[in-house]
Amino acid sequence: MATTHDEHQTEALRARLEALERERFEEIRRANAATAAAQDRAYWLERWHLDLNALMRRPGMAQLRWLLRALRWLLRQARAGTARLRG
């Protein structure tokens, strides 16, 4: 009887290990995708000779960011409204 319990416990541990390995693999995949996206953005900023820090220090950039955020919010509200009308 003890060996059956030990076998069940061993199988449960193996299943848990496999689940943890899958989770870790997924975390690594997401981290690699995020790193690749950041490298891609950095590449294009460098290629276009854009210094975001210098650009954001310019007068009026905080207001421009606020305006862009407001426009993005309006677009999201419009999309949500059309989605509600459709379904």
PDB file of N, CA and C in Angstrom:
ATOM      1  N   MET A   1       0.820  -1.186   0.000  1.00  0.00           N
ATOM      2  CA  MET A   1       0.000   0.000   0.000  1.00  0.00           C
ATOM      3  C   MET A   1       0.865   1.250   0.000  1.00  0.00           C
ATOM      4  N   ALA A   2       1.986   1.202   0.693  1.00  0.00           N
ATOM      5  CA  ALA A   2       2.864   2.357   0.775  1.00  0.00           C
ATOM      6  C   ALA A   2       3.472   2.672  -0.584  1.00  0.00           C
ATOM      7  N   THR A   3       3.793   1.641  -1.357  1.00  0.00           N
ATOM      8  CA  THR A   3       4.374   1.896  -2.683  1.00  0.00           C
ATOM      9  C   THR A   3       3.349   2.547  -3.602  1.00  0.00           C
ATOM     10  N   THR A   4       2.088   2.169  -3.493  1.00  0.00           N
ATOM     11  CA  THR A   4       1.058   2.797  -4.321  1.00  0.00           C
ATOM     12  C   THR A   4       0.939   4.278  -3.977  1.00  0.00           C
ATOM     13  N   HIS A   5       0.970   4.581  -2.700  1.00  0.00           N
ATOM     14  CA  HIS A   5       0.920   5.982  -2.273  1.00  0.00           C
ATOM     15  C   HIS A   5       2.155   6.733  -2.776  1.00  0.00           C
ATOM     16  N   ASP A   6       3.319   6.104  -2.661  1.00  0.00           N
ATOM     17  CA  ASP A   6       4.551   6.723  -3.140  1.00  0.00           C
ATOM     18  C   ASP A   6       4.499   6.939  -4.647  1.00  0.00           C
ATOM     19  N   GLU A   7       3.941   5.974  -5.379  1.00  0.00           N
ATOM     20  CA  GLU A   7       3.828   6.099  -6.838  1.00  0.00           C
ATOM     21  C   GLU A   7       2.887   7.247  -7.206  1.00  0.00           C
ATOM     22  N   HIS A   8       1.779   7.375  -6.498  1.00  0.00           N
ATOM     23  CA  HIS A   8       0.841   8.470  -6.754  1.00  0.00           C
ATOM     24  C   HIS A   8       1.495   9.823  -6.449  1.00  0.00           C
ATOM     25  N   GLN A   9       2.220   9.840  -5.340  1.00  0.00           N
ATOM     26  CA  GLN A   9       2.899  11.080  -4.960  1.00  0.00           C
ATOM     27  C   GLN A   9       3.970  11.439  -6.002  1.00  0.00           C
ATOM     28  N   THR A  10       4.696  10.437  -6.487  1.00  0.00           N
ATOM     29  CA  THR A  10       5.717  10.674  -7.505  1.00  0.00           C
ATOM     30  C   THR A  10       5.082  11.187  -8.787  1.00  0.00           C
ATOM     31  N   GLU A  11       3.973  10.588  -9.185  1.00  0.00           N
ATOM     32  CA  GLU A  11       3.280  11.038 -10.400  1.00  0.00           C
ATOM     33  C   GLU A  11       2.754  12.460 -10.237  1.00  0.00           C
ATOM     34  N   ALA A  12       2.226  12.767  -9.051  1.00  0.00           N
ATOM     35  CA  ALA A  12       1.725  14.114  -8.790  1.00  0.00           C
ATOM     36  C   ALA A  12       2.867  15.124  -8.856  1.00  0.00           C
ATOM     37  N   LEU A  13       4.011  14.771  -8.310  1.00  0.00           N
ATOM     38  CA  LEU A  13       5.172  15.663  -8.363  1.00  0.00           C
ATOM     39  C   LEU A  13       5.665  15.851  -9.796  1.00  0.00           C
ATOM     40  N   ARG A  14       5.660  14.774 -10.563  1.00  0.00           N
ATOM     41  CA  ARG A  14       6.071  14.889 -11.975  1.00  0.00           C
ATOM     42  C   ARG A  14       5.114  15.792 -12.757  1.00  0.00           C
ATOM     43  N   ALA A  15       3.831  15.634 -12.508  1.00  0.00           N
ATOM     44  CA  ALA A  15       2.840  16.475 -13.195  1.00  0.00           C
ATOM     45  C   ALA A  15       3.021  17.934 -12.803  1.00  0.00           C
ATOM     46  N   ARG A  16       3.266  18.179 -11.524  1.00  0.00           N
ATOM     47  CA  ARG A  16       3.489  19.560 -11.063  1.00  0.00           C
ATOM     48  C   ARG A  16       4.754  20.142 -11.681  1.00  0.00           C
ATOM     49  N   LEU A  17       5.797  19.334 -11.761  1.00  0.00           N
ATOM     50  CA  LEU A  17       7.048  19.774 -12.373  1.00  0.00           C
ATOM     51  C   LEU A  17       6.835  20.136 -13.843  1.00  0.00           C
ATOM     52  N   GLU A  18       6.096  19.312 -14.555  1.00  0.00           N
ATOM     53  CA  GLU A  18       5.805  19.594 -15.963  1.00  0.00           C
ATOM     54  C   GLU A  18       5.012  20.882 -16.112  1.00  0.00           C
ATOM     55  N   ALA A  19       4.037  21.093 -15.229  1.00  0.00           N
ATOM     56  CA  ALA A  19       3.244  22.321 -15.280  1.00  0.00           C
ATOM     57  C   ALA A  19       4.124  23.539 -15.009  1.00  0.00           C
ATOM     58  N   LEU A  20       5.014  23.428 -14.037  1.00  0.00           N
ATOM     59  CA  LEU A  20       5.925  24.536 -13.734  1.00  0.00           C
ATOM     60  C   LEU A  20       6.880  24.808 -14.885  1.00  0.00           C
ATOM     61  N   GLU A  21       7.342  23.740 -15.518  1.00  0.00           N
ATOM     62  CA  GLU A  21       8.232  23.918 -16.674  1.00  0.00           C
ATOM     63  C   GLU A  21       7.499  24.605 -17.825  1.00  0.00           C
ATOM     64  N   ARG A  22       6.236  24.249 -18.050  1.00  0.00           N
ATOM     65  CA  ARG A  22       5.452  24.915 -19.099  1.00  0.00           C
ATOM     66  C   ARG A  22       5.253  26.388 -18.778  1.00  0.00           C
ATOM     67  N   GLU A  23       4.935  26.681 -17.494  1.00  0.00           N
ATOM     68  CA  GLU A  23       4.780  28.082 -17.082  1.00  0.00           C
ATOM     69  C   GLU A  23       6.062  28.862 -17.301  1.00  0.00           C
ATOM     70  N   ARG A  24       7.177  28.275 -16.900  1.00  0.00           N
ATOM     71  CA  ARG A  24       8.472  28.949 -17.051  1.00  0.00           C
ATOM     72  C   ARG A  24       8.800  29.172 -18.519  1.00  0.00           C
ATOM     73  N   PHE A  25       8.514  28.186 -19.360  1.00  0.00           N
ATOM     74  CA  PHE A  25       8.749  28.327 -20.796  1.00  0.00           C
ATOM     75  C   PHE A  25       7.917  29.480 -21.358  1.00  0.00           C
ATOM     76  N   GLU A  26       6.671  29.584 -20.915  1.00  0.00           N
ATOM     77  CA  GLU A  26       5.804  30.661 -21.384  1.00  0.00           C
ATOM     78  C   GLU A  26       6.317  32.020 -20.908  1.00  0.00           C
ATOM     79  N   GLU A  27       6.782  32.085 -19.666  1.00  0.00           N
ATOM     80  CA  GLU A  27       7.357  33.332 -19.156  1.00  0.00           C
ATOM     81  C   GLU A  27       8.580  33.746 -19.973  1.00  0.00           C
ATOM     82  N   ILE A  28       9.423  32.792 -20.287  1.00  0.00           N
ATOM     83  CA  ILE A  28      10.623  33.078 -21.090  1.00  0.00           C
ATOM     84  C   ILE A  28      10.224  33.536 -22.479  1.00  0.00           C
ATOM     85  N   ARG A  29       9.209  32.905 -23.066  1.00  0.00           N
ATOM     86  CA  ARG A  29       8.753  33.293 -24.393  1.00  0.00           C
ATOM     87  C   ARG A  29       8.232  34.734 -24.386  1.00  0.00           C
ATOM     88  N   ARG A  30       7.424  35.075 -23.373  1.00  0.00           N
ATOM     89  CA  ARG A  30       6.905  36.443 -23.277  1.00  0.00           C
ATOM     90  C   ARG A  30       8.019  37.455 -23.049  1.00  0.00           C
ATOM     91  N   ALA A  31       8.996  37.111 -22.211  1.00  0.00           N
ATOM     92  CA  ALA A  31      10.121  38.015 -21.956  1.00  0.00           C
ATOM     93  C   ALA A  31      10.934  38.230 -23.232  1.00  0.00           C
ATOM     94  N   ASN A  32      11.158  37.173 -23.976  1.00  0.00           N
ATOM     95  CA  ASN A  32      11.898  37.304 -25.231  1.00  0.00           C
ATOM     96  C   ASN A  32      11.133  38.154 -26.236  1.00  0.00           C
ATOM     97  N   ALA A  33       9.826  37.993 -26.290  1.00  0.00           N
ATOM     98  CA  ALA A  33       9.019  38.801 -27.212  1.00  0.00           C
ATOM     99  C   ALA A  33       9.063  40.274 -26.818  1.00  0.00           C
ATOM    100  N   ALA A  34       8.989  40.552 -25.521  1.00  0.00           N
ATOM    101  CA  ALA A  34       9.058  41.941 -25.053  1.00  0.00           C
ATOM    102  C   ALA A  34      10.428  42.542 -25.347  1.00  0.00           C
ATOM    103  N   THR A  35      11.480  41.764 -25.150  1.00  0.00           N
ATOM    104  CA  THR A  35      12.828  42.238 -25.447  1.00  0.00           C
ATOM    105  C   THR A  35      12.984  42.525 -26.931  1.00  0.00           C
ATOM    106  N   ALA A  36      12.461  41.647 -27.767  1.00  0.00           N
ATOM    107  CA  ALA A  36      12.556  41.856 -29.216  1.00  0.00           C
ATOM    108  C   ALA A  36      11.793  43.109 -29.634  1.00  0.00           C
ATOM    109  N   ALA A  37      10.631  43.330 -29.058  1.00  0.00           N
ATOM    110  CA  ALA A  37       9.853  44.534 -29.391  1.00  0.00           C
ATOM    111  C   ALA A  37      10.597  45.793 -28.957  1.00  0.00           C
ATOM    112  N   ALA A  38      11.197  45.760 -27.779  1.00  0.00           N
ATOM    113  CA  ALA A  38      11.948  46.928 -27.298  1.00  0.00           C
ATOM    114  C   ALA A  38      13.164  47.185 -28.177  1.00  0.00           C
ATOM    115  N   GLN A  39      13.841  46.129 -28.589  1.00  0.00           N
ATOM    116  CA  GLN A  39      14.998  46.288 -29.471  1.00  0.00           C
ATOM    117  C   GLN A  39      14.574  46.849 -30.820  1.00  0.00           C
ATOM    118  N   ASP A  40      13.426  46.416 -31.305  1.00  0.00           N
ATOM    119  CA  ASP A  40      12.924  46.925 -32.582  1.00  0.00           C
ATOM    120  C   ASP A  40      12.619  48.414 -32.489  1.00  0.00           C
ATOM    121  N   ARG A  41      11.960  48.824 -31.416  1.00  0.00           N
ATOM    122  CA  ARG A  41      11.675  50.253 -31.229  1.00  0.00           C
ATOM    123  C   ARG A  41      12.962  51.055 -31.102  1.00  0.00           C
ATOM    124  N   ALA A  42      13.901  50.547 -30.335  1.00  0.00           N
ATOM    125  CA  ALA A  42      15.170  51.252 -30.156  1.00  0.00           C
ATOM    126  C   ALA A  42      15.917  51.364 -31.482  1.00  0.00           C
ATOM    127  N   TYR A  43      15.848  50.316 -32.301  1.00  0.00           N
ATOM    128  CA  TYR A  43      16.519  50.341 -33.598  1.00  0.00           C
ATOM    129  C   TYR A  43      15.983  51.482 -34.452  1.00  0.00           C
ATOM    130  N   TRP A  44      14.653  51.596 -34.519  1.00  0.00           N
ATOM    131  CA  TRP A  44      14.073  52.623 -35.377  1.00  0.00           C
ATOM    132  C   TRP A  44      14.300  54.013 -34.818  1.00  0.00           C
ATOM    133  N   LEU A  45      14.267  54.166 -33.516  1.00  0.00           N
ATOM    134  CA  LEU A  45      14.571  55.476 -32.938  1.00  0.00           C
ATOM    135  C   LEU A  45      16.000  55.885 -33.263  1.00  0.00           C
ATOM    136  N   GLU A  46      16.905  54.937 -33.161  1.00  0.00           N
ATOM    137  CA  GLU A  46      18.303  55.210 -33.480  1.00  0.00           C
ATOM    138  C   GLU A  46      18.471  55.508 -34.967  1.00  0.00           C
ATOM    139  N   ARG A  47      17.797  54.751 -35.790  1.00  0.00           N
ATOM    140  CA  ARG A  47      17.919  54.936 -37.236  1.00  0.00           C
ATOM    141  C   ARG A  47      17.392  56.309 -37.669  1.00  0.00           C
ATOM    142  N   TRP A  48      16.324  56.773 -37.034  1.00  0.00           N
ATOM    143  CA  TRP A  48      15.744  58.074 -37.375  1.00  0.00           C
ATOM    144  C   TRP A  48      16.412  59.213 -36.605  1.00  0.00           C
ATOM    145  N   HIS A  49      17.428  58.879 -35.797  1.00  0.00           N
ATOM    146  CA  HIS A  49      18.165  59.865 -34.997  1.00  0.00           C
ATOM    147  C   HIS A  49      17.234  60.639 -34.069  1.00  0.00           C
ATOM    148  N   LEU A  50      16.339  59.911 -33.411  1.00  0.00           N
ATOM    149  CA  LEU A  50      15.411  60.530 -32.465  1.00  0.00           C
ATOM    150  C   LEU A  50      15.897  60.290 -31.039  1.00  0.00           C
ATOM    151  N   ASP A  51      15.992  61.350 -30.287  1.00  0.00           N
ATOM    152  CA  ASP A  51      16.300  61.262 -28.865  1.00  0.00           C
ATOM    153  C   ASP A  51      15.016  61.636 -28.127  1.00  0.00           C
ATOM    154  N   LEU A  52      14.321  60.626 -27.627  1.00  0.00           N
ATOM    155  CA  LEU A  52      13.029  60.876 -26.986  1.00  0.00           C
ATOM    156  C   LEU A  52      13.163  61.757 -25.753  1.00  0.00           C
ATOM    157  N   ASN A  53      14.244  61.605 -25.008  1.00  0.00           N
ATOM    158  CA  ASN A  53      14.424  62.447 -23.823  1.00  0.00           C
ATOM    159  C   ASN A  53      14.533  63.914 -24.221  1.00  0.00           C
ATOM    160  N   ALA A  54      15.326  64.204 -25.245  1.00  0.00           N
ATOM    161  CA  ALA A  54      15.468  65.592 -25.691  1.00  0.00           C
ATOM    162  C   ALA A  54      14.151  66.102 -26.277  1.00  0.00           C
ATOM    163  N   LEU A  55      13.465  65.234 -27.000  1.00  0.00           N
ATOM    164  CA  LEU A  55      12.199  65.629 -27.606  1.00  0.00           C
ATOM    165  C   LEU A  55      11.159  65.965 -26.539  1.00  0.00           C
ATOM    166  N   MET A  56      11.099  65.169 -25.490  1.00  0.00           N
ATOM    167  CA  MET A  56      10.097  65.385 -24.460  1.00  0.00           C
ATOM    168  C   MET A  56      10.421  66.589 -23.574  1.00  0.00           C
ATOM    169  N   ARG A  57      11.673  67.052 -23.571  1.00  0.00           N
ATOM    170  CA  ARG A  57      12.033  68.242 -22.799  1.00  0.00           C
ATOM    171  C   ARG A  57      11.608  69.527 -23.504  1.00  0.00           C
ATOM    172  N   ARG A  58      11.242  69.424 -24.754  1.00  0.00           N
ATOM    173  CA  ARG A  58      10.864  70.626 -25.499  1.00  0.00           C
ATOM    174  C   ARG A  58       9.549  71.198 -24.969  1.00  0.00           C
ATOM    175  N   PRO A  59       9.377  72.514 -25.069  1.00  0.00           N
ATOM    176  CA  PRO A  59       8.138  73.135 -24.599  1.00  0.00           C
ATOM    177  C   PRO A  59       6.925  72.606 -25.374  1.00  0.00           C
ATOM    178  N   GLY A  60       5.854  72.379 -24.658  1.00  0.00           N
ATOM    179  CA  GLY A  60       4.611  71.956 -25.290  1.00  0.00           C
ATOM    180  C   GLY A  60       4.450  70.453 -25.442  1.00  0.00           C
ATOM    181  N   MET A  61       5.475  69.686 -25.143  1.00  0.00           N
ATOM    182  CA  MET A  61       5.369  68.240 -25.348  1.00  0.00           C
ATOM    183  C   MET A  61       4.431  67.589 -24.326  1.00  0.00           C
ATOM    184  N   ALA A  62       4.390  68.105 -23.121  1.00  0.00           N
ATOM    185  CA  ALA A  62       3.460  67.551 -22.121  1.00  0.00           C
ATOM    186  C   ALA A  62       2.027  67.760 -22.584  1.00  0.00           C
ATOM    187  N   GLN A  63       1.749  68.923 -23.159  1.00  0.00           N
ATOM    188  CA  GLN A  63       0.412  69.197 -23.669  1.00  0.00           C
ATOM    189  C   GLN A  63       0.094  68.304 -24.872  1.00  0.00           C
ATOM    190  N   LEU A  64       1.081  68.076 -25.718  1.00  0.00           N
ATOM    191  CA  LEU A  64       0.872  67.187 -26.870  1.00  0.00           C
ATOM    192  C   LEU A  64       0.566  65.770 -26.402  1.00  0.00           C
ATOM    193  N   ARG A  65       1.308  65.299 -25.399  1.00  0.00           N
ATOM    194  CA  ARG A  65       1.035  63.964 -24.855  1.00  0.00           C
ATOM    195  C   ARG A  65      -0.367  63.888 -24.283  1.00  0.00           C
ATOM    196  N   TRP A  66      -0.787  64.931 -23.562  1.00  0.00           N
ATOM    197  CA  TRP A  66      -2.131  64.965 -23.004  1.00  0.00           C
ATOM    198  C   TRP A  66      -3.161  64.916 -24.116  1.00  0.00           C
ATOM    199  N   LEU A  67      -2.936  65.675 -25.189  1.00  0.00           N
ATOM    200  CA  LEU A  67      -3.858  65.694 -26.318  1.00  0.00           C
ATOM    201  C   LEU A  67      -3.941  64.328 -26.990  1.00  0.00           C
ATOM    202  N   LEU A  68      -2.803  63.684 -27.181  1.00  0.00           N
ATOM    203  CA  LEU A  68      -2.799  62.353 -27.798  1.00  0.00           C
ATOM    204  C   LEU A  68      -3.527  61.336 -26.927  1.00  0.00           C
ATOM    205  N   ARG A  69      -3.333  61.422 -25.616  1.00  0.00           N
ATOM    206  CA  ARG A  69      -4.052  60.513 -24.712  1.00  0.00           C
ATOM    207  C   ARG A  69      -5.551  60.753 -24.778  1.00  0.00           C
ATOM    208  N   ALA A  70      -5.961  62.017 -24.863  1.00  0.00           N
ATOM    209  CA  ALA A  70      -7.388  62.334 -24.954  1.00  0.00           C
ATOM    210  C   ALA A  70      -7.969  61.802 -26.260  1.00  0.00           C
ATOM    211  N   LEU A  71      -7.233  61.962 -27.352  1.00  0.00           N
ATOM    212  CA  LEU A  71      -7.704  61.433 -28.640  1.00  0.00           C
ATOM    213  C   LEU A  71      -7.805  59.914 -28.609  1.00  0.00           C
ATOM    214  N   ARG A  72      -6.826  59.272 -27.983  1.00  0.00           N
ATOM    215  CA  ARG A  72      -6.862  57.812 -27.879  1.00  0.00           C
ATOM    216  C   ARG A  72      -8.067  57.375 -27.058  1.00  0.00           C
ATOM    217  N   TRP A  73      -8.366  58.103 -25.975  1.00  0.00           N
ATOM    218  CA  TRP A  73      -9.532  57.774 -25.159  1.00  0.00           C
ATOM    219  C   TRP A  73     -10.815  57.921 -25.972  1.00  0.00           C
ATOM    220  N   LEU A  74     -10.915  59.000 -26.757  1.00  0.00           N
ATOM    221  CA  LEU A  74     -12.105  59.200 -27.590  1.00  0.00           C
ATOM    222  C   LEU A  74     -12.270  58.068 -28.605  1.00  0.00           C
ATOM    223  N   LEU A  75     -11.181  57.664 -29.228  1.00  0.00           N
ATOM    224  CA  LEU A  75     -11.258  56.567 -30.196  1.00  0.00           C
ATOM    225  C   LEU A  75     -11.718  55.270 -29.530  1.00  0.00           C
ATOM    226  N   ARG A  76     -11.192  55.006 -28.343  1.00  0.00           N
ATOM    227  CA  ARG A  76     -11.605  53.790 -27.631  1.00  0.00           C
ATOM    228  C   ARG A  76     -13.084  53.849 -27.273  1.00  0.00           C
ATOM    229  N   GLN A  77     -13.557  55.005 -26.850  1.00  0.00           N
ATOM    230  CA  GLN A  77     -14.967  55.146 -26.515  1.00  0.00           C
ATOM    231  C   GLN A  77     -15.837  54.957 -27.754  1.00  0.00           C
ATOM    232  N   ALA A  78     -15.397  55.491 -28.885  1.00  0.00           N
ATOM    233  CA  ALA A  78     -16.160  55.343 -30.128  1.00  0.00           C
ATOM    234  C   ALA A  78     -16.209  53.879 -30.545  1.00  0.00           C
ATOM    235  N   ARG A  79     -15.073  53.186 -30.446  1.00  0.00           N
ATOM    236  CA  ARG A  79     -15.055  51.757 -30.807  1.00  0.00           C
ATOM    237  C   ARG A  79     -15.948  50.954 -29.877  1.00  0.00           C
ATOM    238  N   ALA A  80     -15.901  51.251 -28.587  1.00  0.00           N
ATOM    239  CA  ALA A  80     -16.748  50.537 -27.634  1.00  0.00           C
ATOM    240  C   ALA A  80     -18.220  50.807 -27.914  1.00  0.00           C
ATOM    241  N   GLY A  81     -18.540  52.043 -28.301  1.00  0.00           N
ATOM    242  CA  GLY A  81     -19.925  52.370 -28.613  1.00  0.00           C
ATOM    243  C   GLY A  81     -20.416  51.644 -29.836  1.00  0.00           C
ATOM    244  N   THR A  82     -19.595  51.559 -30.881  1.00  0.00           N
ATOM    245  CA  THR A  82     -20.017  50.835 -32.081  1.00  0.00           C
ATOM    246  C   THR A  82     -20.102  49.334 -31.805  1.00  0.00           C
ATOM    247  N   ALA A  83     -19.235  48.821 -30.941  1.00  0.00           N
ATOM    248  CA  ALA A  83     -19.312  47.409 -30.591  1.00  0.00           C
ATOM    249  C   ALA A  83     -20.590  47.112 -29.825  1.00  0.00           C
ATOM    250  N   ARG A  84     -21.009  48.036 -28.941  1.00  0.00           N
ATOM    251  CA  ARG A  84     -22.255  47.837 -28.202  1.00  0.00           C
ATOM    252  C   ARG A  84     -23.455  47.878 -29.123  1.00  0.00           C
ATOM    253  N   LEU A  85     -23.393  48.741 -30.148  1.00  0.00           N
ATOM    254  CA  LEU A  85     -24.504  48.827 -31.085  1.00  0.00           C
ATOM    255  C   LEU A  85     -24.613  47.568 -31.942  1.00  0.00           C
ATOM    256  N   ARG A  86     -23.488  46.994 -32.277  1.00  0.00           N
ATOM    257  CA  ARG A  86     -23.493  45.790 -33.118  1.00  0.00           C
ATOM    258  C   ARG A  86     -23.954  44.554 -32.362  1.00  0.00           C
ATOM    259  N   GLY A  87     -23.592  44.467 -31.127  1.00  0.00           N
ATOM    260  CA  GLY A  87     -23.884  43.187 -30.484  1.00  0.00           C
ATOM    261  C   GLY A  87     -24.310  43.289 -29.117  1.00  0.00           C
TER     262      GLY A  87
END
